[in-house]
Amino acid sequence: MQPTEQLLRHATECEEMARFTRDLESRATWRRMADRWRRCAEVFARESAVSRVRAHERRKHAAAA
């Protein structure tokens, strides 16, 4: 499983916990945790894409030299 998928899975699990929790404060906490997991997945995906582009550029420059 890819890291982004794992992070999104954690978010889904937190959302499920929020649905089953009766306490409003706990529900809000679970939802905040789900949001944070989603943000982590977004950041990881974005940083991975940037890293791939940079690696491609380095290979391109190395091949041209």
PDB file of N, CA and C in Angstrom:
ATOM      1  N   MET A   1       0.844  -1.178   0.000  1.00  0.00           N
ATOM      2  CA  MET A   1       0.000   0.000   0.000  1.00  0.00           C
ATOM      3  C   MET A   1       0.894   1.247   0.000  1.00  0.00           C
ATOM      4  N   GLN A   2       0.536   2.205  -0.816  1.00  0.00           N
ATOM      5  CA  GLN A   2       1.285   3.452  -0.927  1.00  0.00           C
ATOM      6  C   GLN A   2       1.059   4.322   0.320  1.00  0.00           C
ATOM      7  N   PRO A   3       2.053   5.139   0.675  1.00  0.00           N
ATOM      8  CA  PRO A   3       1.894   5.997   1.863  1.00  0.00           C
ATOM      9  C   PRO A   3       0.646   6.886   1.805  1.00  0.00           C
ATOM     10  N   THR A   4       0.350   7.447   0.633  1.00  0.00           N
ATOM     11  CA  THR A   4      -0.832   8.305   0.529  1.00  0.00           C
ATOM     12  C   THR A   4      -2.093   7.508   0.830  1.00  0.00           C
ATOM     13  N   GLU A   5      -2.165   6.288   0.323  1.00  0.00           N
ATOM     14  CA  GLU A   5      -3.329   5.438   0.591  1.00  0.00           C
ATOM     15  C   GLU A   5      -3.450   5.126   2.071  1.00  0.00           C
ATOM     16  N   GLN A   6      -2.321   4.874   2.720  1.00  0.00           N
ATOM     17  CA  GLN A   6      -2.344   4.591   4.152  1.00  0.00           C
ATOM     18  C   GLN A   6      -2.858   5.793   4.936  1.00  0.00           C
ATOM     19  N   LEU A   7      -2.382   6.970   4.580  1.00  0.00           N
ATOM     20  CA  LEU A   7      -2.813   8.177   5.281  1.00  0.00           C
ATOM     21  C   LEU A   7      -4.309   8.404   5.096  1.00  0.00           C
ATOM     22  N   LEU A   8      -4.798   8.187   3.884  1.00  0.00           N
ATOM     23  CA  LEU A   8      -6.230   8.355   3.630  1.00  0.00           C
ATOM     24  C   LEU A   8      -7.056   7.286   4.349  1.00  0.00           C
ATOM     25  N   ARG A   9      -6.477   6.115   4.492  1.00  0.00           N
ATOM     26  CA  ARG A   9      -7.172   5.054   5.237  1.00  0.00           C
ATOM     27  C   ARG A   9      -7.337   5.460   6.700  1.00  0.00           C
ATOM     28  N   HIS A  10      -6.285   6.053   7.265  1.00  0.00           N
ATOM     29  CA  HIS A  10      -6.380   6.544   8.648  1.00  0.00           C
ATOM     30  C   HIS A  10      -7.487   7.603   8.757  1.00  0.00           C
ATOM     31  N   ALA A  11      -7.568   8.476   7.766  1.00  0.00           N
ATOM     32  CA  ALA A  11      -8.608   9.507   7.770  1.00  0.00           C
ATOM     33  C   ALA A  11      -9.993   8.871   7.758  1.00  0.00           C
ATOM     34  N   THR A  12     -10.159   7.860   6.938  1.00  0.00           N
ATOM     35  CA  THR A  12     -11.452   7.165   6.858  1.00  0.00           C
ATOM     36  C   THR A  12     -11.788   6.497   8.191  1.00  0.00           C
ATOM     37  N   GLU A  13     -10.795   5.890   8.809  1.00  0.00           N
ATOM     38  CA  GLU A  13     -11.026   5.256  10.110  1.00  0.00           C
ATOM     39  C   GLU A  13     -11.456   6.286  11.156  1.00  0.00           C
ATOM     40  N   CYS A  14     -10.841   7.449  11.133  1.00  0.00           N
ATOM     41  CA  CYS A  14     -11.225   8.500  12.076  1.00  0.00           C
ATOM     42  C   CYS A  14     -12.650   8.977  11.818  1.00  0.00           C
ATOM     43  N   GLU A  15     -13.014   9.108  10.549  1.00  0.00           N
ATOM     44  CA  GLU A  15     -14.393   9.506  10.217  1.00  0.00           C
ATOM     45  C   GLU A  15     -15.391   8.464  10.725  1.00  0.00           C
ATOM     46  N   GLU A  16     -15.046   7.196  10.589  1.00  0.00           N
ATOM     47  CA  GLU A  16     -15.921   6.135  11.096  1.00  0.00           C
ATOM     48  C   GLU A  16     -16.063   6.233  12.610  1.00  0.00           C
ATOM     49  N   MET A  17     -14.955   6.483  13.290  1.00  0.00           N
ATOM     50  CA  MET A  17     -15.017   6.632  14.744  1.00  0.00           C
ATOM     51  C   MET A  17     -15.887   7.829  15.117  1.00  0.00           C
ATOM     52  N   ALA A  18     -15.781   8.897  14.364  1.00  0.00           N
ATOM     53  CA  ALA A  18     -16.596  10.089  14.635  1.00  0.00           C
ATOM     54  C   ALA A  18     -18.088   9.756  14.499  1.00  0.00           C
ATOM     55  N   ARG A  19     -18.426   8.935  13.505  1.00  0.00           N
ATOM     56  CA  ARG A  19     -19.842   8.566  13.306  1.00  0.00           C
ATOM     57  C   ARG A  19     -20.394   7.744  14.468  1.00  0.00           C
ATOM     58  N   PHE A  20     -19.547   6.908  15.057  1.00  0.00           N
ATOM     59  CA  PHE A  20     -20.021   6.020  16.118  1.00  0.00           C
ATOM     60  C   PHE A  20     -19.924   6.630  17.510  1.00  0.00           C
ATOM     61  N   THR A  21     -19.256   7.755  17.622  1.00  0.00           N
ATOM     62  CA  THR A  21     -19.075   8.398  18.924  1.00  0.00           C
ATOM     63  C   THR A  21     -20.270   9.279  19.234  1.00  0.00           C
ATOM     64  N   ARG A  22     -20.797   9.137  20.421  1.00  0.00           N
ATOM     65  CA  ARG A  22     -21.959   9.936  20.825  1.00  0.00           C
ATOM     66  C   ARG A  22     -21.561  11.277  21.425  1.00  0.00           C
ATOM     67  N   ASP A  23     -20.411  11.297  22.069  1.00  0.00           N
ATOM     68  CA  ASP A  23     -19.940  12.512  22.724  1.00  0.00           C
ATOM     69  C   ASP A  23     -19.522  13.537  21.661  1.00  0.00           C
ATOM     70  N   LEU A  24     -20.111  14.726  21.724  1.00  0.00           N
ATOM     71  CA  LEU A  24     -19.843  15.748  20.705  1.00  0.00           C
ATOM     72  C   LEU A  24     -18.383  16.190  20.682  1.00  0.00           C
ATOM     73  N   GLU A  25     -17.775  16.300  21.846  1.00  0.00           N
ATOM     74  CA  GLU A  25     -16.373  16.713  21.904  1.00  0.00           C
ATOM     75  C   GLU A  25     -15.465  15.652  21.261  1.00  0.00           C
ATOM     76  N   SER A  26     -15.735  14.397  21.563  1.00  0.00           N
ATOM     77  CA  SER A  26     -14.955  13.311  20.960  1.00  0.00           C
ATOM     78  C   SER A  26     -15.178  13.257  19.453  1.00  0.00           C
ATOM     79  N   ARG A  27     -16.401  13.463  19.031  1.00  0.00           N
ATOM     80  CA  ARG A  27     -16.708  13.461  17.597  1.00  0.00           C
ATOM     81  C   ARG A  27     -15.906  14.549  16.880  1.00  0.00           C
ATOM     82  N   ALA A  28     -15.855  15.724  17.491  1.00  0.00           N
ATOM     83  CA  ALA A  28     -15.094  16.824  16.894  1.00  0.00           C
ATOM     84  C   ALA A  28     -13.610  16.479  16.835  1.00  0.00           C
ATOM     85  N   THR A  29     -13.108  15.843  17.870  1.00  0.00           N
ATOM     86  CA  THR A  29     -11.701  15.445  17.896  1.00  0.00           C
ATOM     87  C   THR A  29     -11.400  14.448  16.781  1.00  0.00           C
ATOM     88  N   TRP A  30     -12.258  13.444  16.618  1.00  0.00           N
ATOM     89  CA  TRP A  30     -12.058  12.458  15.549  1.00  0.00           C
ATOM     90  C   TRP A  30     -12.092  13.122  14.180  1.00  0.00           C
ATOM     91  N   ARG A  31     -12.974  14.076  14.003  1.00  0.00           N
ATOM     92  CA  ARG A  31     -13.045  14.767  12.708  1.00  0.00           C
ATOM     93  C   ARG A  31     -11.809  15.617  12.441  1.00  0.00           C
ATOM     94  N   ARG A  32     -11.307  16.256  13.488  1.00  0.00           N
ATOM     95  CA  ARG A  32     -10.060  17.028  13.321  1.00  0.00           C
ATOM     96  C   ARG A  32      -8.904  16.102  12.962  1.00  0.00           C
ATOM     97  N   MET A  33      -8.875  14.941  13.600  1.00  0.00           N
ATOM     98  CA  MET A  33      -7.823  13.974  13.282  1.00  0.00           C
ATOM     99  C   MET A  33      -7.944  13.514  11.828  1.00  0.00           C
ATOM    100  N   ALA A  34      -9.152  13.275  11.371  1.00  0.00           N
ATOM    101  CA  ALA A  34      -9.367  12.867   9.976  1.00  0.00           C
ATOM    102  C   ALA A  34      -8.876  13.955   9.030  1.00  0.00           C
ATOM    103  N   ASP A  35      -9.182  15.206   9.351  1.00  0.00           N
ATOM    104  CA  ASP A  35      -8.717  16.332   8.518  1.00  0.00           C
ATOM    105  C   ASP A  35      -7.195  16.378   8.470  1.00  0.00           C
ATOM    106  N   ARG A  36      -6.556  16.146   9.597  1.00  0.00           N
ATOM    107  CA  ARG A  36      -5.090  16.177   9.633  1.00  0.00           C
ATOM    108  C   ARG A  36      -4.486  15.049   8.810  1.00  0.00           C
ATOM    109  N   TRP A  37      -5.078  13.852   8.893  1.00  0.00           N
ATOM    110  CA  TRP A  37      -4.594  12.744   8.072  1.00  0.00           C
ATOM    111  C   TRP A  37      -4.727  13.090   6.591  1.00  0.00           C
ATOM    112  N   ARG A  38      -5.842  13.707   6.205  1.00  0.00           N
ATOM    113  CA  ARG A  38      -6.029  14.087   4.803  1.00  0.00           C
ATOM    114  C   ARG A  38      -4.996  15.124   4.368  1.00  0.00           C
ATOM    115  N   ARG A  39      -4.739  16.093   5.242  1.00  0.00           N
ATOM    116  CA  ARG A  39      -3.720  17.097   4.917  1.00  0.00           C
ATOM    117  C   ARG A  39      -2.346  16.457   4.771  1.00  0.00           C
ATOM    118  N   CYS A  40      -2.046  15.497   5.631  1.00  0.00           N
ATOM    119  CA  CYS A  40      -0.770  14.780   5.520  1.00  0.00           C
ATOM    120  C   CYS A  40      -0.679  14.058   4.178  1.00  0.00           C
ATOM    121  N   ALA A  41      -1.770  13.434   3.753  1.00  0.00           N
ATOM    122  CA  ALA A  41      -1.784  12.740   2.463  1.00  0.00           C
ATOM    123  C   ALA A  41      -1.564  13.729   1.327  1.00  0.00           C
ATOM    124  N   GLU A  42      -2.200  14.885   1.400  1.00  0.00           N
ATOM    125  CA  GLU A  42      -2.036  15.907   0.360  1.00  0.00           C
ATOM    126  C   GLU A  42      -0.600  16.414   0.306  1.00  0.00           C
ATOM    127  N   VAL A  43      -0.025  16.689   1.469  1.00  0.00           N
ATOM    128  CA  VAL A  43       1.353  17.184   1.520  1.00  0.00           C
ATOM    129  C   VAL A  43       2.309  16.122   0.987  1.00  0.00           C
ATOM    130  N   PHE A  44       2.107  14.880   1.399  1.00  0.00           N
ATOM    131  CA  PHE A  44       2.980  13.804   0.930  1.00  0.00           C
ATOM    132  C   PHE A  44       2.894  13.669  -0.586  1.00  0.00           C
ATOM    133  N   ALA A  45       1.693  13.688  -1.129  1.00  0.00           N
ATOM    134  CA  ALA A  45       1.515  13.557  -2.578  1.00  0.00           C
ATOM    135  C   ALA A  45       2.180  14.722  -3.307  1.00  0.00           C
ATOM    136  N   ARG A  46       1.989  15.912  -2.800  1.00  0.00           N
ATOM    137  CA  ARG A  46       2.581  17.100  -3.434  1.00  0.00           C
ATOM    138  C   ARG A  46       4.107  17.043  -3.373  1.00  0.00           C
ATOM    139  N   GLU A  47       4.658  16.720  -2.212  1.00  0.00           N
ATOM    140  CA  GLU A  47       6.109  16.655  -2.052  1.00  0.00           C
ATOM    141  C   GLU A  47       6.709  15.527  -2.889  1.00  0.00           C
ATOM    142  N   SER A  48       6.005  14.424  -3.000  1.00  0.00           N
ATOM    143  CA  SER A  48       6.481  13.315  -3.824  1.00  0.00           C
ATOM    144  C   SER A  48       6.537  13.723  -5.287  1.00  0.00           C
ATOM    145  N   ALA A  49       5.532  14.440  -5.740  1.00  0.00           N
ATOM    146  CA  ALA A  49       5.507  14.898  -7.130  1.00  0.00           C
ATOM    147  C   ALA A  49       6.662  15.854  -7.400  1.00  0.00           C
ATOM    148  N   VAL A  50       6.901  16.769  -6.480  1.00  0.00           N
ATOM    149  CA  VAL A  50       8.007  17.720  -6.634  1.00  0.00           C
ATOM    150  C   VAL A  50       9.334  16.959  -6.657  1.00  0.00           C
ATOM    151  N   SER A  51       9.473  15.990  -5.807  1.00  0.00           N
ATOM    152  CA  SER A  51      10.698  15.199  -5.747  1.00  0.00           C
ATOM    153  C   SER A  51      10.935  14.448  -7.054  1.00  0.00           C
ATOM    154  N   ARG A  52       9.882  13.881  -7.618  1.00  0.00           N
ATOM    155  CA  ARG A  52      10.019  13.172  -8.897  1.00  0.00           C
ATOM    156  C   ARG A  52      10.449  14.116 -10.011  1.00  0.00           C
ATOM    157  N   VAL A  53       9.868  15.312 -10.037  1.00  0.00           N
ATOM    158  CA  VAL A  53      10.226  16.297 -11.066  1.00  0.00           C
ATOM    159  C   VAL A  53      11.689  16.694 -10.914  1.00  0.00           C
ATOM    160  N   ARG A  54      12.120  16.948  -9.689  1.00  0.00           N
ATOM    161  CA  ARG A  54      13.509  17.335  -9.458  1.00  0.00           C
ATOM    162  C   ARG A  54      14.470  16.221  -9.852  1.00  0.00           C
ATOM    163  N   ALA A  55      14.130  14.986  -9.532  1.00  0.00           N
ATOM    164  CA  ALA A  55      14.984  13.857  -9.895  1.00  0.00           C
ATOM    165  C   ALA A  55      15.077  13.735 -11.411  1.00  0.00           C
ATOM    166  N   HIS A  56      13.967  13.927 -12.089  1.00  0.00           N
ATOM    167  CA  HIS A  56      13.954  13.877 -13.552  1.00  0.00           C
ATOM    168  C   HIS A  56      14.852  14.971 -14.131  1.00  0.00           C
ATOM    169  N   GLU A  57      14.749  16.167 -13.570  1.00  0.00           N
ATOM    170  CA  GLU A  57      15.582  17.281 -14.034  1.00  0.00           C
ATOM    171  C   GLU A  57      17.066  16.994 -13.815  1.00  0.00           C
ATOM    172  N   ARG A  58      17.418  16.402 -12.655  1.00  0.00           N
ATOM    173  CA  ARG A  58      18.812  16.080 -12.389  1.00  0.00           C
ATOM    174  C   ARG A  58      19.332  15.046 -13.380  1.00  0.00           C
ATOM    175  N   ARG A  59      18.510  14.043 -13.674  1.00  0.00           N
ATOM    176  CA  ARG A  59      18.938  13.024 -14.648  1.00  0.00           C
ATOM    177  C   ARG A  59      19.110  13.640 -16.023  1.00  0.00           C
ATOM    178  N   LYS A  60      18.209  14.544 -16.381  1.00  0.00           N
ATOM    179  CA  LYS A  60      18.276  15.203 -17.683  1.00  0.00           C
ATOM    180  C   LYS A  60      19.551  16.023 -17.795  1.00  0.00           C
ATOM    181  N   HIS A  61      19.877  16.768 -16.751  1.00  0.00           N
ATOM    182  CA  HIS A  61      21.102  17.592 -16.768  1.00  0.00           C
ATOM    183  C   HIS A  61      22.348  16.726 -16.763  1.00  0.00           C
ATOM    184  N   ALA A  62      22.315  15.620 -16.026  1.00  0.00           N
ATOM    185  CA  ALA A  62      23.472  14.711 -15.967  1.00  0.00           C
ATOM    186  C   ALA A  62      23.705  14.065 -17.328  1.00  0.00           C
ATOM    187  N   ALA A  63      22.639  13.734 -18.019  1.00  0.00           N
ATOM    188  CA  ALA A  63      22.768  13.108 -19.331  1.00  0.00           C
ATOM    189  C   ALA A  63      23.304  14.102 -20.361  1.00  0.00           C
ATOM    190  N   ALA A  64      22.955  15.368 -20.203  1.00  0.00           N
ATOM    191  CA  ALA A  64      23.404  16.397 -21.138  1.00  0.00           C
ATOM    192  C   ALA A  64      24.865  16.769 -20.922  1.00  0.00           C
ATOM    193  N   ALA A  65      25.378  16.503 -19.748  1.00  0.00           N
ATOM    194  CA  ALA A  65      26.769  16.911 -19.429  1.00  0.00           C
ATOM    195  C   ALA A  65      27.796  15.983 -20.012  1.00  0.00           C
TER     196      ALA A  65
END
